[in-house]
Amino acid sequence: MAYLMVKQKVEDYGRWKSVFDNASEMRKNGGERGVRLFHYGEDTGQVMVLAEWDTLERARSYVNSPEVAEAMRKAGVTEKPEIYFLDEIPADG
C-alpha cells in the first residue's frame, strides 16, 4: 500500500482545515483513498497528514502540482512541509 505523510506548520488550524476539506475532491481525483489527520498534543499549529494513495507515482504527481502549492499558500502553511512517500511493508512478511 502507498502512503503520503506530510508534516506542516500552519498559522491557524481552522483556516487550514477549511482549505483541506475544500480540496477533498482534488485529492480523490489525484489518487487518495483515505486520510487521517494528527496534531502534536495541544499544538494545533503543527499538523500531520497521513493519506493512503493508489500509487506512489500518483502521490508524487499530486504533491508537485501547482494546485497543491496554491492550496498550501491559501491554507496558511508557514514553512516548507516535510513530505514522505511511504510503501507499506507487510508486518508478517
C-alpha atoms as a PDB file:
ATOM      1  CA  MET A   1       0.000   0.000   0.000  1.00  0.00           C
ATOM      2  CA  ALA A   2       1.226   3.534  -0.796  1.00  0.00           C
ATOM      3  CA  TYR A   3       1.084   6.365   1.715  1.00  0.00           C
ATOM      4  CA  LEU A   4       1.839  10.056   1.716  1.00  0.00           C
ATOM      5  CA  MET A   5       2.830  11.630   5.030  1.00  0.00           C
ATOM      6  CA  VAL A   6       3.039  15.420   5.301  1.00  0.00           C
ATOM      7  CA  LYS A   7       4.182  17.318   8.391  1.00  0.00           C
ATOM      8  CA  GLN A   8       3.427  21.026   8.221  1.00  0.00           C
ATOM      9  CA  LYS A   9       3.240  24.145  10.363  1.00  0.00           C
ATOM     10  CA  VAL A  10       0.145  26.275   9.922  1.00  0.00           C
ATOM     11  CA  GLU A  11      -0.862  29.765  11.045  1.00  0.00           C
ATOM     12  CA  ASP A  12      -4.389  28.776  12.029  1.00  0.00           C
ATOM     13  CA  TYR A  13      -5.768  25.241  12.170  1.00  0.00           C
ATOM     14  CA  GLY A  14      -9.346  26.321  11.370  1.00  0.00           C
ATOM     15  CA  ARG A  15      -8.232  28.116   8.210  1.00  0.00           C
ATOM     16  CA  TRP A  16      -6.007  25.203   7.203  1.00  0.00           C
ATOM     17  CA  LYS A  17      -8.788  22.639   7.813  1.00  0.00           C
ATOM     18  CA  SER A  18     -11.266  24.612   5.711  1.00  0.00           C
ATOM     19  CA  VAL A  19      -8.883  24.650   2.721  1.00  0.00           C
ATOM     20  CA  PHE A  20      -8.021  20.983   3.311  1.00  0.00           C
ATOM     21  CA  ASP A  21     -11.694  19.996   3.336  1.00  0.00           C
ATOM     22  CA  ASN A  22     -12.399  22.000   0.175  1.00  0.00           C
ATOM     23  CA  ALA A  23      -9.602  20.115  -1.604  1.00  0.00           C
ATOM     24  CA  SER A  24     -11.055  16.659  -0.879  1.00  0.00           C
ATOM     25  CA  GLU A  25     -12.309  16.122  -4.425  1.00  0.00           C
ATOM     26  CA  MET A  26      -8.956  17.228  -5.851  1.00  0.00           C
ATOM     27  CA  ARG A  27      -7.159  14.741  -3.587  1.00  0.00           C
ATOM     28  CA  LYS A  28      -9.508  11.893  -4.524  1.00  0.00           C
ATOM     29  CA  ASN A  29      -9.097  12.666  -8.236  1.00  0.00           C
ATOM     30  CA  GLY A  30      -5.327  12.576  -7.645  1.00  0.00           C
ATOM     31  CA  GLY A  31      -5.493   9.057  -6.225  1.00  0.00           C
ATOM     32  CA  GLU A  32      -6.146   9.469  -2.494  1.00  0.00           C
ATOM     33  CA  ARG A  33      -8.065   6.576  -0.976  1.00  0.00           C
ATOM     34  CA  GLY A  34      -8.326   7.760   2.616  1.00  0.00           C
ATOM     35  CA  VAL A  35      -6.779  10.231   5.035  1.00  0.00           C
ATOM     36  CA  ARG A  36      -6.122  10.720   8.748  1.00  0.00           C
ATOM     37  CA  LEU A  37      -5.115  13.957  10.458  1.00  0.00           C
ATOM     38  CA  PHE A  38      -2.979  14.425  13.573  1.00  0.00           C
ATOM     39  CA  HIS A  39      -1.517  17.260  15.597  1.00  0.00           C
ATOM     40  CA  TYR A  40       1.152  17.326  18.271  1.00  0.00           C
ATOM     41  CA  GLY A  41      -0.570  17.227  21.660  1.00  0.00           C
ATOM     42  CA  GLU A  42      -2.070  20.629  22.346  1.00  0.00           C
ATOM     43  CA  ASP A  43      -0.189  22.309  19.474  1.00  0.00           C
ATOM     44  CA  THR A  44      -2.759  22.619  16.681  1.00  0.00           C
ATOM     45  CA  GLY A  45      -0.268  24.690  14.678  1.00  0.00           C
ATOM     46  CA  GLN A  46       1.617  21.540  13.662  1.00  0.00           C
ATOM     47  CA  VAL A  47      -0.413  19.175  11.533  1.00  0.00           C
ATOM     48  CA  MET A  48       0.462  15.706  10.271  1.00  0.00           C
ATOM     49  CA  VAL A  49      -1.460  14.240   7.342  1.00  0.00           C
ATOM     50  CA  LEU A  50      -1.289  10.517   6.629  1.00  0.00           C
ATOM     51  CA  ALA A  51      -3.045   9.620   3.387  1.00  0.00           C
ATOM     52  CA  GLU A  52      -3.393   6.335   1.584  1.00  0.00           C
ATOM     53  CA  TRP A  53      -2.871   6.587  -2.191  1.00  0.00           C
ATOM     54  CA  ASP A  54      -3.457   4.210  -5.051  1.00  0.00           C
ATOM     55  CA  THR A  55       0.212   4.529  -6.170  1.00  0.00           C
ATOM     56  CA  LEU A  56       3.331   6.365  -5.013  1.00  0.00           C
ATOM     57  CA  GLU A  57       3.712   7.840  -8.501  1.00  0.00           C
ATOM     58  CA  ARG A  58       0.291   9.495  -8.317  1.00  0.00           C
ATOM     59  CA  ALA A  59       1.030  10.764  -4.804  1.00  0.00           C
ATOM     60  CA  ARG A  60       4.261  12.362  -6.055  1.00  0.00           C
ATOM     61  CA  SER A  61       2.480  13.892  -9.021  1.00  0.00           C
ATOM     62  CA  TYR A  62      -0.224  15.310  -6.754  1.00  0.00           C
ATOM     63  CA  VAL A  63       2.257  16.864  -4.308  1.00  0.00           C
ATOM     64  CA  ASN A  64       4.196  18.523  -7.132  1.00  0.00           C
ATOM     65  CA  SER A  65       1.129  20.058  -8.771  1.00  0.00           C
ATOM     66  CA  PRO A  66       0.678  23.865  -8.848  1.00  0.00           C
ATOM     67  CA  GLU A  67      -2.801  23.402  -7.362  1.00  0.00           C
ATOM     68  CA  VAL A  68      -1.341  21.893  -4.191  1.00  0.00           C
ATOM     69  CA  ALA A  69       1.184  24.711  -3.862  1.00  0.00           C
ATOM     70  CA  GLU A  70      -1.638  27.253  -4.159  1.00  0.00           C
ATOM     71  CA  ALA A  71      -3.817  25.379  -1.648  1.00  0.00           C
ATOM     72  CA  MET A  72      -0.958  25.334   0.879  1.00  0.00           C
ATOM     73  CA  ARG A  73      -0.469  29.068   0.421  1.00  0.00           C
ATOM     74  CA  LYS A  74      -4.193  29.715   0.956  1.00  0.00           C
ATOM     75  CA  ALA A  75      -4.229  27.388   3.965  1.00  0.00           C
ATOM     76  CA  GLY A  76      -1.504  29.347   5.750  1.00  0.00           C
ATOM     77  CA  VAL A  77       1.274  26.763   5.722  1.00  0.00           C
ATOM     78  CA  THR A  78       4.155  28.753   7.229  1.00  0.00           C
ATOM     79  CA  GLU A  79       7.198  26.628   6.341  1.00  0.00           C
ATOM     80  CA  LYS A  80       8.182  24.158   3.672  1.00  0.00           C
ATOM     81  CA  PRO A  81       6.428  20.941   4.714  1.00  0.00           C
ATOM     82  CA  GLU A  82       8.232  17.681   5.350  1.00  0.00           C
ATOM     83  CA  ILE A  83       6.910  15.179   2.813  1.00  0.00           C
ATOM     84  CA  TYR A  84       7.430  11.420   2.890  1.00  0.00           C
ATOM     85  CA  PHE A  85       6.352   8.843   0.331  1.00  0.00           C
ATOM     86  CA  LEU A  86       5.895   5.504   2.081  1.00  0.00           C
ATOM     87  CA  ASP A  87       5.451   1.989   0.791  1.00  0.00           C
ATOM     88  CA  GLU A  88       3.938  -0.309   3.405  1.00  0.00           C
ATOM     89  CA  ILE A  89       5.874  -3.403   4.433  1.00  0.00           C
ATOM     90  CA  PRO A  90       3.704  -6.352   5.486  1.00  0.00           C
ATOM     91  CA  ALA A  91       4.129  -6.960   9.236  1.00  0.00           C
ATOM     92  CA  ASP A  92       4.040 -10.718   8.731  1.00  0.00           C
ATOM     93  CA  GLY A  93       6.416 -10.796   5.772  1.00  0.00           C
END
